[in-house]
Amino acid sequence: MKKLLLLMTIPFFSSGKITPEITTPDSFSELSFEQLTLHRGNYLADTGCGIVSLKLFHPAEHNKYPPPASWLCLFPVDVIKDGYGPGQVLPEKVYFDKKTGIWKKKKYSLSKEGTKRSLDVYGIKSLSELQPLELYNIRSVNARGYAVINRNIPLEEKKKGVKKRLSFCLIQNHSYSAFCGFGSIINVVDGKEIDFTPYMLKSLETVEIGLPEKSSIPRD
């Protein structure tokens, strides 16, 4: 019942939208994409999303796609409760405002221990070196949630070349499933560094969760 009440507080829509609006590259084309279909075996954690489909947009001039992401299927009640932030050792977090039905950011103070850990994790000397999170409210084909762009990269990942990460969670309309994912959002294609942020955000607008098995079978 608790899960049902939480879901009832979230207004759902049927068409895609990103808030605030984003600027796409001049060369962006909705015809340049790879159709991605995820099954049970694709999730690190699975609570019953079933088949999830989305279009992975990419630059029209490059037949290359965003870097691989890690996919999860979680309970909406946990997504709403946890939000995004505290586990990242950052002095701000993302939470769901039940009154407005949207995801918002707010700052909070790290403890002395949390501050030390943040400095160690990110390899910085002061919290002032951290960059603000970018938050987007996402409405997809049959789900709604958030996407966060985080430029604060842990030192160990930074050494591997990671510069920016995207994390998201979309809650399926009228169900107990939340489709989530995270991963690097900058990749080197043909010797050139490409920021896939606008492509991935537009991809999230196309997410469909809980499709029947027959939807994944190509039609002649």
Protein backbone atom coordinates (compact mmCIF):
# COMPACT_ATOMS: atom_id res chain seq x y z
CA MET A 1 0.00 0.00 0.00
CA LYS A 2 2.86 2.38 0.85
CA LYS A 3 4.38 1.84 -2.59
CA LEU A 4 1.01 2.46 -4.25
CA LEU A 5 0.48 5.73 -2.36
CA LEU A 6 3.93 6.96 -3.38
CA LEU A 7 3.21 6.19 -7.00
CA MET A 8 -0.14 7.96 -6.86
CA THR A 9 1.64 11.21 -5.96
CA ILE A 10 3.53 11.23 -9.28
CA PRO A 11 1.68 12.69 -12.28
CA PHE A 12 2.43 10.71 -15.45
CA PHE A 13 2.35 11.71 -19.11
CA SER A 14 2.56 9.87 -22.42
CA SER A 15 5.01 11.95 -24.48
CA GLY A 16 8.70 12.75 -24.00
CA LYS A 17 9.97 15.97 -22.48
CA ILE A 18 13.15 17.29 -20.81
CA THR A 19 12.99 20.06 -18.20
CA PRO A 20 14.82 22.39 -18.40
CA GLU A 21 15.04 22.25 -22.17
CA ILE A 22 18.40 21.32 -23.63
CA THR A 23 20.28 22.56 -26.68
CA THR A 24 21.13 19.86 -29.17
CA PRO A 25 24.00 20.10 -31.68
CA ASP A 26 23.07 21.60 -35.07
CA SER A 27 23.76 18.23 -36.67
CA PHE A 28 21.44 16.31 -34.30
CA SER A 29 19.04 14.04 -36.17
CA GLU A 30 16.30 11.86 -34.74
CA LEU A 31 17.06 9.44 -37.58
CA SER A 32 20.56 8.71 -36.25
CA PHE A 33 20.09 6.12 -33.54
CA GLU A 34 20.52 2.50 -32.55
CA GLN A 35 17.43 0.72 -31.23
CA LEU A 36 18.36 -0.82 -27.88
CA THR A 37 16.25 -3.56 -26.28
CA LEU A 38 17.12 -4.65 -22.74
CA HIS A 39 16.03 -7.95 -21.22
CA ARG A 40 16.28 -9.42 -17.72
CA GLY A 41 19.89 -10.48 -18.22
CA ASN A 42 20.99 -6.91 -18.98
CA TYR A 43 20.36 -5.53 -15.47
CA LEU A 44 22.80 -5.41 -12.56
CA ALA A 45 19.72 -5.43 -10.31
CA ASP A 46 16.28 -6.54 -11.50
CA THR A 47 12.94 -6.09 -9.76
CA GLY A 48 10.79 -6.72 -12.80
CA CYS A 49 11.13 -4.03 -15.49
CA GLY A 50 10.52 -6.64 -18.15
CA ILE A 51 11.66 -5.54 -21.59
CA VAL A 52 12.87 -1.96 -21.89
CA SER A 53 13.30 -0.25 -25.24
CA LEU A 54 15.00 3.03 -26.10
CA LYS A 55 16.68 4.76 -29.01
CA LEU A 56 20.37 5.49 -28.49
CA PHE A 57 20.96 8.68 -30.47
CA HIS A 58 24.42 9.46 -31.82
CA PRO A 59 26.07 12.18 -33.94
CA ALA A 60 24.87 11.97 -37.53
CA GLU A 61 28.45 12.28 -38.76
CA HIS A 62 29.64 9.33 -36.64
CA ASN A 63 28.10 5.88 -36.61
CA LYS A 64 29.18 5.58 -32.99
CA TYR A 65 27.11 5.40 -29.84
CA PRO A 66 27.44 6.62 -26.23
CA PRO A 67 29.83 4.68 -23.98
CA PRO A 68 28.32 1.50 -22.44
CA ALA A 69 26.15 2.14 -19.38
CA SER A 70 25.23 -0.01 -16.39
CA TRP A 71 21.50 -0.68 -16.20
CA LEU A 72 19.41 -1.39 -13.11
CA CYS A 73 15.75 -2.14 -12.42
CA LEU A 74 14.75 -0.94 -8.94
CA PHE A 75 11.64 -0.40 -6.81
CA PRO A 76 10.18 3.13 -7.20
CA VAL A 77 9.82 3.43 -3.42
CA ASP A 78 13.60 3.05 -3.07
CA VAL A 79 14.34 5.52 -5.89
CA ILE A 80 12.08 8.13 -4.29
CA LYS A 81 13.52 7.51 -0.83
CA ASP A 82 17.20 7.55 -1.85
CA GLY A 83 17.26 10.25 -4.52
CA TYR A 84 20.78 11.14 -5.68
CA GLY A 85 23.64 12.73 -3.79
CA PRO A 86 24.53 11.47 -0.30
CA GLY A 87 26.28 8.35 -1.61
CA GLN A 88 28.41 10.55 -3.86
CA VAL A 89 29.93 12.46 -0.89
CA LEU A 90 28.73 15.77 -2.32
CA PRO A 91 27.29 18.79 -0.46
CA GLU A 92 24.07 18.67 -2.51
CA LYS A 93 21.53 16.06 -3.40
CA VAL A 94 18.55 15.42 -5.66
CA TYR A 95 15.20 14.54 -4.11
CA PHE A 96 11.58 14.04 -5.16
CA ASP A 97 9.20 16.81 -4.12
CA LYS A 98 5.87 15.05 -3.53
CA LYS A 99 3.94 18.32 -3.49
CA THR A 100 4.99 19.39 -6.98
CA GLY A 101 5.71 15.95 -8.45
CA ILE A 102 9.14 16.98 -9.70
CA TRP A 103 12.76 16.27 -8.79
CA LYS A 104 14.71 19.12 -7.20
CA LYS A 105 18.21 19.90 -5.90
CA LYS A 106 19.17 21.13 -2.48
CA LYS A 107 22.42 21.78 -0.68
CA TYR A 108 23.31 20.31 2.69
CA SER A 109 26.33 20.32 4.98
CA LEU A 110 28.75 17.44 5.05
CA SER A 111 29.99 16.28 8.43
CA LYS A 112 33.66 16.64 9.28
CA GLU A 113 34.16 12.99 8.38
CA GLY A 114 32.12 13.38 5.20
CA THR A 115 34.16 16.40 4.14
CA LYS A 116 37.43 14.53 4.63
CA ARG A 117 36.12 11.58 2.66
CA SER A 118 34.94 13.86 -0.15
CA LEU A 119 38.37 15.50 -0.38
CA ASP A 120 40.03 12.08 -0.47
CA VAL A 121 37.61 10.55 -2.99
CA TYR A 122 37.83 13.41 -5.48
CA GLY A 123 41.49 14.25 -4.87
CA ILE A 124 40.79 17.92 -4.08
CA LYS A 125 41.94 20.35 -1.39
CA SER A 126 38.66 22.19 -0.84
CA LEU A 127 34.94 21.51 -1.36
CA SER A 128 34.86 24.74 -3.38
CA GLU A 129 36.54 22.78 -6.19
CA LEU A 130 33.41 20.66 -6.62
CA GLN A 131 31.06 21.56 -9.47
CA PRO A 132 27.26 21.81 -9.09
CA LEU A 133 25.15 18.89 -10.28
CA GLU A 134 23.03 19.40 -13.39
CA LEU A 135 19.49 18.12 -12.87
CA TYR A 136 16.87 17.36 -15.52
CA ASN A 137 13.34 16.13 -15.06
CA ILE A 138 12.68 13.54 -17.76
CA ARG A 139 9.36 12.42 -19.16
CA SER A 140 9.60 9.44 -21.51
CA VAL A 141 7.05 7.44 -23.47
CA ASN A 142 5.66 5.69 -20.39
CA ALA A 143 7.79 6.78 -17.44
CA ARG A 144 8.98 9.83 -15.53
CA GLY A 145 12.04 10.60 -13.43
CA TYR A 146 15.36 12.42 -13.30
CA ALA A 147 18.74 12.58 -14.98
CA VAL A 148 21.82 14.00 -13.25
CA ILE A 149 25.02 15.15 -14.94
CA ASN A 150 27.95 14.96 -12.53
CA ARG A 151 31.37 16.44 -13.39
CA ASN A 152 32.81 15.50 -10.00
CA ILE A 153 34.72 12.34 -10.81
CA PRO A 154 36.40 10.19 -8.13
CA LEU A 155 40.18 10.32 -8.44
CA GLU A 156 40.50 6.64 -9.36
CA GLU A 157 38.01 6.99 -12.22
CA LYS A 158 39.59 10.28 -13.31
CA LYS A 159 42.89 8.44 -13.75
CA LYS A 160 41.11 6.14 -16.22
CA GLY A 161 39.98 9.08 -18.32
CA VAL A 162 36.42 9.54 -17.03
CA LYS A 163 35.43 13.24 -17.15
CA LYS A 164 31.66 13.35 -16.76
CA ARG A 165 28.97 10.90 -15.70
CA LEU A 166 25.24 10.63 -16.24
CA SER A 167 22.90 8.90 -13.79
CA PHE A 168 19.15 8.54 -14.21
CA CYS A 169 16.05 6.81 -12.89
CA LEU A 170 12.69 6.66 -14.66
CA ILE A 171 9.62 5.30 -12.88
CA GLN A 172 7.18 3.41 -15.07
CA ASN A 173 3.63 4.73 -15.20
CA HIS A 174 1.34 2.88 -12.76
CA SER A 175 3.79 0.13 -11.81
CA TYR A 176 6.41 -0.88 -9.26
CA SER A 177 9.39 -0.66 -11.64
CA ALA A 178 12.07 2.00 -12.01
CA PHE A 179 14.55 1.81 -14.87
CA CYS A 180 17.89 3.33 -13.86
CA GLY A 181 21.37 3.62 -15.28
CA PHE A 182 24.74 5.30 -14.92
CA GLY A 183 27.95 5.65 -16.87
CA SER A 184 30.56 7.89 -18.49
CA ILE A 185 29.11 10.35 -20.99
CA ILE A 186 32.23 11.45 -22.87
CA ASN A 187 33.92 9.17 -25.36
CA VAL A 188 36.69 9.35 -27.96
CA VAL A 189 35.41 8.66 -31.48
CA ASP A 190 37.78 8.57 -34.43
CA GLY A 191 40.41 10.34 -32.37
CA LYS A 192 38.01 13.13 -31.34
CA GLU A 193 36.46 13.61 -27.90
CA ILE A 194 32.66 13.72 -28.11
CA ASP A 195 30.28 14.75 -25.33
CA PHE A 196 27.22 12.50 -25.63
CA THR A 197 25.21 14.39 -22.99
CA PRO A 198 22.52 15.85 -25.30
CA TYR A 199 22.26 12.57 -27.22
CA MET A 200 21.76 10.51 -24.08
CA LEU A 201 19.24 12.93 -22.58
CA LYS A 202 17.22 12.80 -25.81
CA SER A 203 17.52 9.01 -25.72
CA LEU A 204 15.87 8.94 -22.29
CA GLU A 205 12.77 10.59 -23.78
CA THR A 206 12.25 7.43 -25.85
CA VAL A 207 12.32 4.93 -22.97
CA GLU A 208 9.49 2.39 -22.85
CA ILE A 209 9.38 0.08 -19.82
CA GLY A 210 7.59 -3.24 -19.40
CA LEU A 211 7.07 -4.13 -23.05
CA PRO A 212 5.67 -7.60 -23.85
CA GLU A 213 8.10 -10.23 -25.09
CA LYS A 214 6.77 -10.13 -28.65
CA SER A 215 7.77 -6.43 -28.96
CA SER A 216 11.42 -7.42 -29.09
CA ILE A 217 10.92 -9.60 -32.17
CA PRO A 218 11.79 -7.74 -35.39
CA ARG A 219 8.95 -7.49 -37.91
CA ASP A 220 9.38 -8.30 -41.56
